[in-house]
Amino acid sequence: MIVEEAAEILEGQLVAVIPPSVQHLIMIGDHKQLKPIVHFVGLRKRHHLDVSMFERLVNCKLPFRQLRYQCRMRDELLDLLRQLNVYEGLKTNEKVISA
């Protein structure tokens, strides 16, 4: 089963839709960007519902792979992310950007 934008999905919502037949779960997303939306502030703060299952697994040091090359933004913009240490070792695929 492949789940895209896994960082935006609440843990309960994800667990509820995984059928018993699933043998592999692949979660794709960016836990450093958008979080799940929880409208009730009390629940969000008291029960940490603004943290997705995807982010919890990454924070627990479960093995994961992170992309090393980005192909969407110019290197000048990526320098801002590098200065903030948001993504370690992120490089630009110059062949795609210059095309």
C-alpha atoms as a PDB file:
ATOM      1  CA  MET A   1       0.000   0.000   0.000  1.00  0.00           C
ATOM      2  CA  ILE A   2       1.367   3.429  -0.928  1.00  0.00           C
ATOM      3  CA  VAL A   3       0.280   6.533   0.984  1.00  0.00           C
ATOM      4  CA  GLU A   4       1.187   9.868  -0.542  1.00  0.00           C
ATOM      5  CA  GLU A   5       1.368  13.025   1.601  1.00  0.00           C
ATOM      6  CA  ALA A   6       1.540  10.748   4.630  1.00  0.00           C
ATOM      7  CA  ALA A   7       2.644  13.624   6.875  1.00  0.00           C
ATOM      8  CA  GLU A   8      -0.785  15.258   6.442  1.00  0.00           C
ATOM      9  CA  ILE A   9      -2.879  12.236   7.435  1.00  0.00           C
ATOM     10  CA  LEU A  10      -3.934  11.646  11.028  1.00  0.00           C
ATOM     11  CA  GLU A  11      -2.747   8.372  12.509  1.00  0.00           C
ATOM     12  CA  GLY A  12      -6.272   7.128  13.198  1.00  0.00           C
ATOM     13  CA  GLN A  13      -7.391   7.886   9.666  1.00  0.00           C
ATOM     14  CA  LEU A  14      -4.480   5.971   8.201  1.00  0.00           C
ATOM     15  CA  VAL A  15      -4.812   2.940  10.453  1.00  0.00           C
ATOM     16  CA  ALA A  16      -8.549   2.776   9.737  1.00  0.00           C
ATOM     17  CA  VAL A  17      -8.065   2.306   5.992  1.00  0.00           C
ATOM     18  CA  ILE A  18      -5.234  -0.246   5.999  1.00  0.00           C
ATOM     19  CA  PRO A  19      -6.757  -3.605   5.073  1.00  0.00           C
ATOM     20  CA  PRO A  20      -5.551  -6.786   6.834  1.00  0.00           C
ATOM     21  CA  SER A  21      -4.085  -8.037   3.543  1.00  0.00           C
ATOM     22  CA  VAL A  22      -1.404  -5.308   3.425  1.00  0.00           C
ATOM     23  CA  GLN A  23       2.115  -6.709   3.635  1.00  0.00           C
ATOM     24  CA  HIS A  24       4.079  -3.528   2.915  1.00  0.00           C
ATOM     25  CA  LEU A  25       3.250   0.069   3.732  1.00  0.00           C
ATOM     26  CA  ILE A  26       5.127   2.783   1.857  1.00  0.00           C
ATOM     27  CA  MET A  27       4.558   6.278   3.189  1.00  0.00           C
ATOM     28  CA  ILE A  28       5.668   9.251   1.103  1.00  0.00           C
ATOM     29  CA  GLY A  29       5.689  12.781   2.421  1.00  0.00           C
ATOM     30  CA  ASP A  30       7.614  15.529   4.134  1.00  0.00           C
ATOM     31  CA  HIS A  31       7.294  15.584   7.893  1.00  0.00           C
ATOM     32  CA  LYS A  32       8.978  19.003   7.997  1.00  0.00           C
ATOM     33  CA  GLN A  33       6.250  20.753   6.018  1.00  0.00           C
ATOM     34  CA  LEU A  34       2.481  20.341   6.316  1.00  0.00           C
ATOM     35  CA  LYS A  35       0.937  18.649   9.355  1.00  0.00           C
ATOM     36  CA  PRO A  36      -2.472  17.026   9.803  1.00  0.00           C
ATOM     37  CA  ILE A  37      -5.325  19.484  10.275  1.00  0.00           C
ATOM     38  CA  VAL A  38      -7.135  19.181  13.604  1.00  0.00           C
ATOM     39  CA  HIS A  39      -9.775  21.866  14.194  1.00  0.00           C
ATOM     40  CA  PHE A  40     -10.188  21.290  17.938  1.00  0.00           C
ATOM     41  CA  VAL A  41      -7.292  23.055  19.649  1.00  0.00           C
ATOM     42  CA  GLY A  42      -7.767  21.164  22.920  1.00  0.00           C
ATOM     43  CA  LEU A  43      -7.440  17.772  21.235  1.00  0.00           C
ATOM     44  CA  ARG A  44      -4.552  18.937  19.100  1.00  0.00           C
ATOM     45  CA  LYS A  45      -2.497  20.179  22.055  1.00  0.00           C
ATOM     46  CA  ARG A  46      -3.506  17.702  24.756  1.00  0.00           C
ATOM     47  CA  HIS A  47      -3.164  14.571  22.614  1.00  0.00           C
ATOM     48  CA  HIS A  48      -0.529  15.752  20.089  1.00  0.00           C
ATOM     49  CA  LEU A  49      -2.874  15.081  17.186  1.00  0.00           C
ATOM     50  CA  ASP A  50      -0.998  17.526  14.985  1.00  0.00           C
ATOM     51  CA  VAL A  51       1.730  14.878  14.616  1.00  0.00           C
ATOM     52  CA  SER A  52       1.100  12.281  11.917  1.00  0.00           C
ATOM     53  CA  MET A  53       1.999   8.618  12.157  1.00  0.00           C
ATOM     54  CA  PHE A  54       4.597   9.318   9.474  1.00  0.00           C
ATOM     55  CA  GLU A  55       6.270  11.999  11.612  1.00  0.00           C
ATOM     56  CA  ARG A  56       6.092   9.825  14.748  1.00  0.00           C
ATOM     57  CA  LEU A  57       7.882   6.981  12.958  1.00  0.00           C
ATOM     58  CA  VAL A  58      10.606   9.303  11.664  1.00  0.00           C
ATOM     59  CA  ASN A  59      11.022  10.882  15.112  1.00  0.00           C
ATOM     60  CA  CYS A  60      11.356   7.399  16.663  1.00  0.00           C
ATOM     61  CA  LYS A  61      14.355   6.797  14.391  1.00  0.00           C
ATOM     62  CA  LEU A  62      12.656   4.112  12.332  1.00  0.00           C
ATOM     63  CA  PRO A  63      14.707   3.576   9.152  1.00  0.00           C
ATOM     64  CA  PHE A  64      13.658   5.913   6.336  1.00  0.00           C
ATOM     65  CA  ARG A  65      15.047   7.283   3.099  1.00  0.00           C
ATOM     66  CA  GLN A  66      15.208  10.935   2.219  1.00  0.00           C
ATOM     67  CA  LEU A  67      15.629  12.339  -1.272  1.00  0.00           C
ATOM     68  CA  ARG A  68      19.082  13.757  -1.910  1.00  0.00           C
ATOM     69  CA  TYR A  69      18.293  15.706  -5.087  1.00  0.00           C
ATOM     70  CA  GLN A  70      15.531  18.194  -5.718  1.00  0.00           C
ATOM     71  CA  CYS A  71      14.380  19.206  -9.172  1.00  0.00           C
ATOM     72  CA  ARG A  72      11.841  21.979  -8.616  1.00  0.00           C
ATOM     73  CA  MET A  73      13.551  25.109  -7.402  1.00  0.00           C
ATOM     74  CA  ARG A  74      16.537  27.142  -8.407  1.00  0.00           C
ATOM     75  CA  ASP A  75      19.656  26.762  -6.324  1.00  0.00           C
ATOM     76  CA  GLU A  76      19.368  30.359  -5.072  1.00  0.00           C
ATOM     77  CA  LEU A  77      16.053  29.503  -3.388  1.00  0.00           C
ATOM     78  CA  LEU A  78      17.365  26.222  -2.068  1.00  0.00           C
ATOM     79  CA  ASP A  79      20.155  28.162  -0.317  1.00  0.00           C
ATOM     80  CA  LEU A  80      17.498  29.519   2.072  1.00  0.00           C
ATOM     81  CA  LEU A  81      16.589  25.972   3.117  1.00  0.00           C
ATOM     82  CA  ARG A  82      20.253  25.100   3.457  1.00  0.00           C
ATOM     83  CA  GLN A  83      20.859  28.082   5.753  1.00  0.00           C
ATOM     84  CA  LEU A  84      17.963  26.979   7.972  1.00  0.00           C
ATOM     85  CA  ASN A  85      19.309  23.394   8.056  1.00  0.00           C
ATOM     86  CA  VAL A  86      15.910  22.073   7.030  1.00  0.00           C
ATOM     87  CA  TYR A  87      17.253  19.345   4.726  1.00  0.00           C
ATOM     88  CA  GLU A  88      20.723  17.948   5.271  1.00  0.00           C
ATOM     89  CA  GLY A  89      22.809  17.439   2.148  1.00  0.00           C
ATOM     90  CA  LEU A  90      20.075  18.376  -0.325  1.00  0.00           C
ATOM     91  CA  LYS A  91      21.485  18.993  -3.788  1.00  0.00           C
ATOM     92  CA  THR A  92      20.019  20.332  -7.005  1.00  0.00           C
ATOM     93  CA  ASN A  93      19.775  18.205 -10.123  1.00  0.00           C
ATOM     94  CA  GLU A  94      21.286  20.824 -12.448  1.00  0.00           C
ATOM     95  CA  LYS A  95      20.350  18.919 -15.631  1.00  0.00           C
ATOM     96  CA  VAL A  96      16.641  19.206 -14.884  1.00  0.00           C
ATOM     97  CA  ILE A  97      16.672  22.810 -13.577  1.00  0.00           C
ATOM     98  CA  SER A  98      18.633  24.223 -16.520  1.00  0.00           C
ATOM     99  CA  ALA A  99      16.477  22.473 -19.142  1.00  0.00           C
END
